[in-house]
Each structure stands twice: as structure tokens, then as C-alpha cells.
Amino acid sequence: MTEQLTQEIKNQFEVLASRLSPENLSCDGELSRSETNRRYSQCKREWRTLERRIGRTVNEDEVWEWERSK
């Protein structure tokens, strides 16, 4: 059973999209490549979990469009 795409879920996607930015993933280049990769993998797992909850894929462009339309 899938959930509706609520504002709360949209907000969770927005947080993940922000966490996926290169400067956030690497803490402005302070983290090692392996730690950056670990953080990326964790974000993508969380992203896929949200997609499964709503029953469809979501891309980052869509997420940023939600942000712009607020």
C-alpha cells in the first residue's frame, strides 16, 4: 500500500536533496572519499525508502521545483 505525497514527505525529499549536494556530502571537502561515499549511499537508501512509500520515483529536479513553488 502506498502513501500520498504529502507536504511532510516532500520536505523529507528536500532535506535529502540538500544533503546530496557535493559540498554537504563532503563537508566542503573535509571528509575522505570513503566517508563521502558512505554518506551518499545512506542518502540514496533513504531516498529509495521514500519512493517506495509513495509508489513512484522522484528526481532531484522535481524536488527543487517543489521548493521553488512554495
N, C-alpha and C. Protein backbone atom coordinates (compact mmCIF):
# COMPACT_ATOMS: atom_id res chain seq x y z
N MET A 1 0.84 -1.18 0.00
CA MET A 1 0.00 0.00 0.00
C MET A 1 0.89 1.25 0.00
N THR A 2 0.59 2.18 -0.86
CA THR A 2 1.40 3.39 -0.95
C THR A 2 0.72 4.55 -0.24
N GLU A 3 1.54 5.50 0.14
CA GLU A 3 1.04 6.70 0.81
C GLU A 3 0.89 7.82 -0.20
N GLN A 4 0.14 8.83 0.19
CA GLN A 4 0.02 10.05 -0.60
C GLN A 4 1.32 10.84 -0.48
N LEU A 5 1.60 11.63 -1.50
CA LEU A 5 2.77 12.50 -1.48
C LEU A 5 2.39 13.75 -0.69
N THR A 6 2.57 13.68 0.61
CA THR A 6 2.20 14.78 1.50
C THR A 6 3.31 15.83 1.54
N GLN A 7 2.98 16.97 2.12
CA GLN A 7 3.98 18.01 2.29
C GLN A 7 5.12 17.52 3.19
N GLU A 8 4.81 16.70 4.16
CA GLU A 8 5.84 16.14 5.04
C GLU A 8 6.84 15.30 4.25
N ILE A 9 6.33 14.46 3.36
CA ILE A 9 7.23 13.63 2.55
C ILE A 9 8.02 14.50 1.58
N LYS A 10 7.37 15.50 0.99
CA LYS A 10 8.10 16.43 0.12
C LYS A 10 9.24 17.09 0.90
N ASN A 11 8.96 17.49 2.13
CA ASN A 11 10.00 18.11 2.96
C ASN A 11 11.16 17.15 3.20
N GLN A 12 10.85 15.88 3.40
CA GLN A 12 11.91 14.89 3.60
C GLN A 12 12.77 14.74 2.36
N PHE A 13 12.13 14.76 1.18
CA PHE A 13 12.89 14.72 -0.07
C PHE A 13 13.77 15.97 -0.19
N GLU A 14 13.24 17.13 0.19
CA GLU A 14 14.02 18.37 0.11
C GLU A 14 15.25 18.32 1.01
N VAL A 15 15.09 17.79 2.20
CA VAL A 15 16.23 17.65 3.11
C VAL A 15 17.27 16.72 2.50
N LEU A 16 16.82 15.61 1.94
CA LEU A 16 17.76 14.67 1.32
C LEU A 16 18.45 15.29 0.11
N ALA A 17 17.72 16.05 -0.70
CA ALA A 17 18.33 16.70 -1.86
C ALA A 17 19.42 17.66 -1.41
N SER A 18 19.17 18.36 -0.33
CA SER A 18 20.19 19.27 0.20
C SER A 18 21.39 18.49 0.72
N ARG A 19 21.14 17.39 1.43
CA ARG A 19 22.24 16.57 1.94
C ARG A 19 23.07 15.97 0.81
N LEU A 20 22.46 15.78 -0.38
CA LEU A 20 23.15 15.18 -1.51
C LEU A 20 24.02 16.17 -2.29
N SER A 21 23.96 17.45 -1.96
CA SER A 21 24.80 18.41 -2.67
C SER A 21 26.26 18.09 -2.36
N PRO A 22 27.14 18.26 -3.35
CA PRO A 22 28.55 17.88 -3.15
C PRO A 22 29.20 18.54 -1.92
N GLU A 23 28.92 19.82 -1.70
CA GLU A 23 29.55 20.47 -0.54
C GLU A 23 29.04 19.93 0.78
N ASN A 24 27.78 19.51 0.83
CA ASN A 24 27.25 18.91 2.05
C ASN A 24 27.74 17.48 2.24
N LEU A 25 27.78 16.74 1.15
CA LEU A 25 28.25 15.35 1.26
C LEU A 25 29.68 15.28 1.78
N SER A 26 30.52 16.17 1.30
CA SER A 26 31.94 16.10 1.65
C SER A 26 32.34 17.07 2.75
N CYS A 27 31.36 17.78 3.34
CA CYS A 27 31.65 18.82 4.34
C CYS A 27 32.70 19.79 3.78
N ASP A 28 32.37 20.33 2.58
CA ASP A 28 33.26 21.27 1.88
C ASP A 28 34.66 20.71 1.66
N GLY A 29 34.72 19.43 1.35
CA GLY A 29 36.00 18.79 1.03
C GLY A 29 36.79 18.30 2.23
N GLU A 30 36.22 18.39 3.41
CA GLU A 30 36.93 17.98 4.63
C GLU A 30 36.89 16.47 4.87
N LEU A 31 35.92 15.78 4.30
CA LEU A 31 35.81 14.34 4.54
C LEU A 31 36.57 13.53 3.50
N SER A 32 36.94 12.34 3.89
CA SER A 32 37.61 11.43 2.95
C SER A 32 36.61 10.98 1.88
N ARG A 33 37.14 10.47 0.79
CA ARG A 33 36.28 9.96 -0.29
C ARG A 33 35.41 8.83 0.22
N SER A 34 35.96 7.95 1.05
CA SER A 34 35.17 6.82 1.54
C SER A 34 34.03 7.29 2.45
N GLU A 35 34.27 8.29 3.27
CA GLU A 35 33.21 8.82 4.13
C GLU A 35 32.16 9.54 3.29
N THR A 36 32.60 10.27 2.28
CA THR A 36 31.66 10.94 1.38
C THR A 36 30.79 9.91 0.66
N ASN A 37 31.40 8.84 0.19
CA ASN A 37 30.64 7.77 -0.47
C ASN A 37 29.66 7.11 0.48
N ARG A 38 30.06 6.92 1.73
CA ARG A 38 29.16 6.33 2.73
C ARG A 38 27.95 7.22 2.95
N ARG A 39 28.19 8.53 3.06
CA ARG A 39 27.09 9.48 3.26
C ARG A 39 26.16 9.50 2.06
N TYR A 40 26.73 9.45 0.85
CA TYR A 40 25.93 9.41 -0.38
C TYR A 40 25.04 8.16 -0.39
N SER A 41 25.62 7.02 -0.09
CA SER A 41 24.86 5.76 -0.09
C SER A 41 23.72 5.81 0.92
N GLN A 42 23.97 6.37 2.08
CA GLN A 42 22.93 6.48 3.10
C GLN A 42 21.79 7.36 2.62
N CYS A 43 22.11 8.50 2.02
CA CYS A 43 21.07 9.40 1.49
C CYS A 43 20.25 8.71 0.41
N LYS A 44 20.92 7.98 -0.48
CA LYS A 44 20.20 7.31 -1.56
C LYS A 44 19.31 6.19 -1.02
N ARG A 45 19.73 5.50 0.04
CA ARG A 45 18.87 4.49 0.67
C ARG A 45 17.61 5.14 1.23
N GLU A 46 17.80 6.27 1.91
CA GLU A 46 16.65 6.99 2.47
C GLU A 46 15.73 7.49 1.36
N TRP A 47 16.32 7.94 0.25
CA TRP A 47 15.55 8.43 -0.90
C TRP A 47 14.68 7.30 -1.46
N ARG A 48 15.30 6.13 -1.67
CA ARG A 48 14.56 4.99 -2.21
C ARG A 48 13.45 4.54 -1.27
N THR A 49 13.68 4.64 0.03
CA THR A 49 12.65 4.28 1.00
C THR A 49 11.44 5.20 0.85
N LEU A 50 11.69 6.50 0.70
CA LEU A 50 10.59 7.44 0.48
C LEU A 50 9.86 7.14 -0.83
N GLU A 51 10.61 6.83 -1.87
CA GLU A 51 9.98 6.50 -3.16
C GLU A 51 9.08 5.27 -3.02
N ARG A 52 9.53 4.27 -2.29
CA ARG A 52 8.71 3.08 -2.08
C ARG A 52 7.44 3.43 -1.31
N ARG A 53 7.56 4.35 -0.36
CA ARG A 53 6.38 4.76 0.42
C ARG A 53 5.31 5.37 -0.46
N ILE A 54 5.72 6.16 -1.48
CA ILE A 54 4.73 6.84 -2.32
C ILE A 54 4.45 6.08 -3.62
N GLY A 55 5.22 5.03 -3.88
CA GLY A 55 4.95 4.18 -5.02
C GLY A 55 5.40 4.72 -6.36
N ARG A 56 6.38 5.62 -6.36
CA ARG A 56 6.91 6.13 -7.62
C ARG A 56 8.28 6.74 -7.41
N THR A 57 8.99 6.94 -8.53
CA THR A 57 10.31 7.57 -8.44
C THR A 57 10.15 9.09 -8.40
N VAL A 58 11.14 9.72 -7.81
CA VAL A 58 11.20 11.18 -7.72
C VAL A 58 12.62 11.57 -8.07
N ASN A 59 12.78 12.58 -8.94
CA ASN A 59 14.14 13.03 -9.24
C ASN A 59 14.40 14.37 -8.55
N GLU A 60 15.66 14.72 -8.46
CA GLU A 60 16.03 15.94 -7.74
C GLU A 60 15.45 17.19 -8.38
N ASP A 61 15.34 17.23 -9.71
CA ASP A 61 14.74 18.40 -10.36
C ASP A 61 13.31 18.63 -9.89
N GLU A 62 12.57 17.54 -9.73
CA GLU A 62 11.20 17.64 -9.23
C GLU A 62 11.19 18.21 -7.82
N VAL A 63 12.11 17.75 -6.99
CA VAL A 63 12.19 18.23 -5.61
C VAL A 63 12.49 19.72 -5.58
N TRP A 64 13.44 20.17 -6.39
CA TRP A 64 13.78 21.59 -6.39
C TRP A 64 12.63 22.43 -6.95
N GLU A 65 11.83 21.87 -7.84
CA GLU A 65 10.65 22.57 -8.35
C GLU A 65 9.63 22.78 -7.24
N TRP A 66 9.47 21.76 -6.37
CA TRP A 66 8.59 21.93 -5.22
C TRP A 66 9.07 23.09 -4.37
N GLU A 67 10.36 23.15 -4.15
CA GLU A 67 10.95 24.21 -3.31
C GLU A 67 10.68 25.58 -3.94
N ARG A 68 10.88 25.69 -5.25
CA ARG A 68 10.68 26.97 -5.93
C ARG A 68 9.22 27.41 -5.93
N SER A 69 8.30 26.45 -5.90
CA SER A 69 6.88 26.79 -5.99
C SER A 69 6.26 27.14 -4.64
N LYS A 70 7.01 27.11 -3.59
CA LYS A 70 6.49 27.45 -2.26
C LYS A 70 6.18 28.93 -2.16
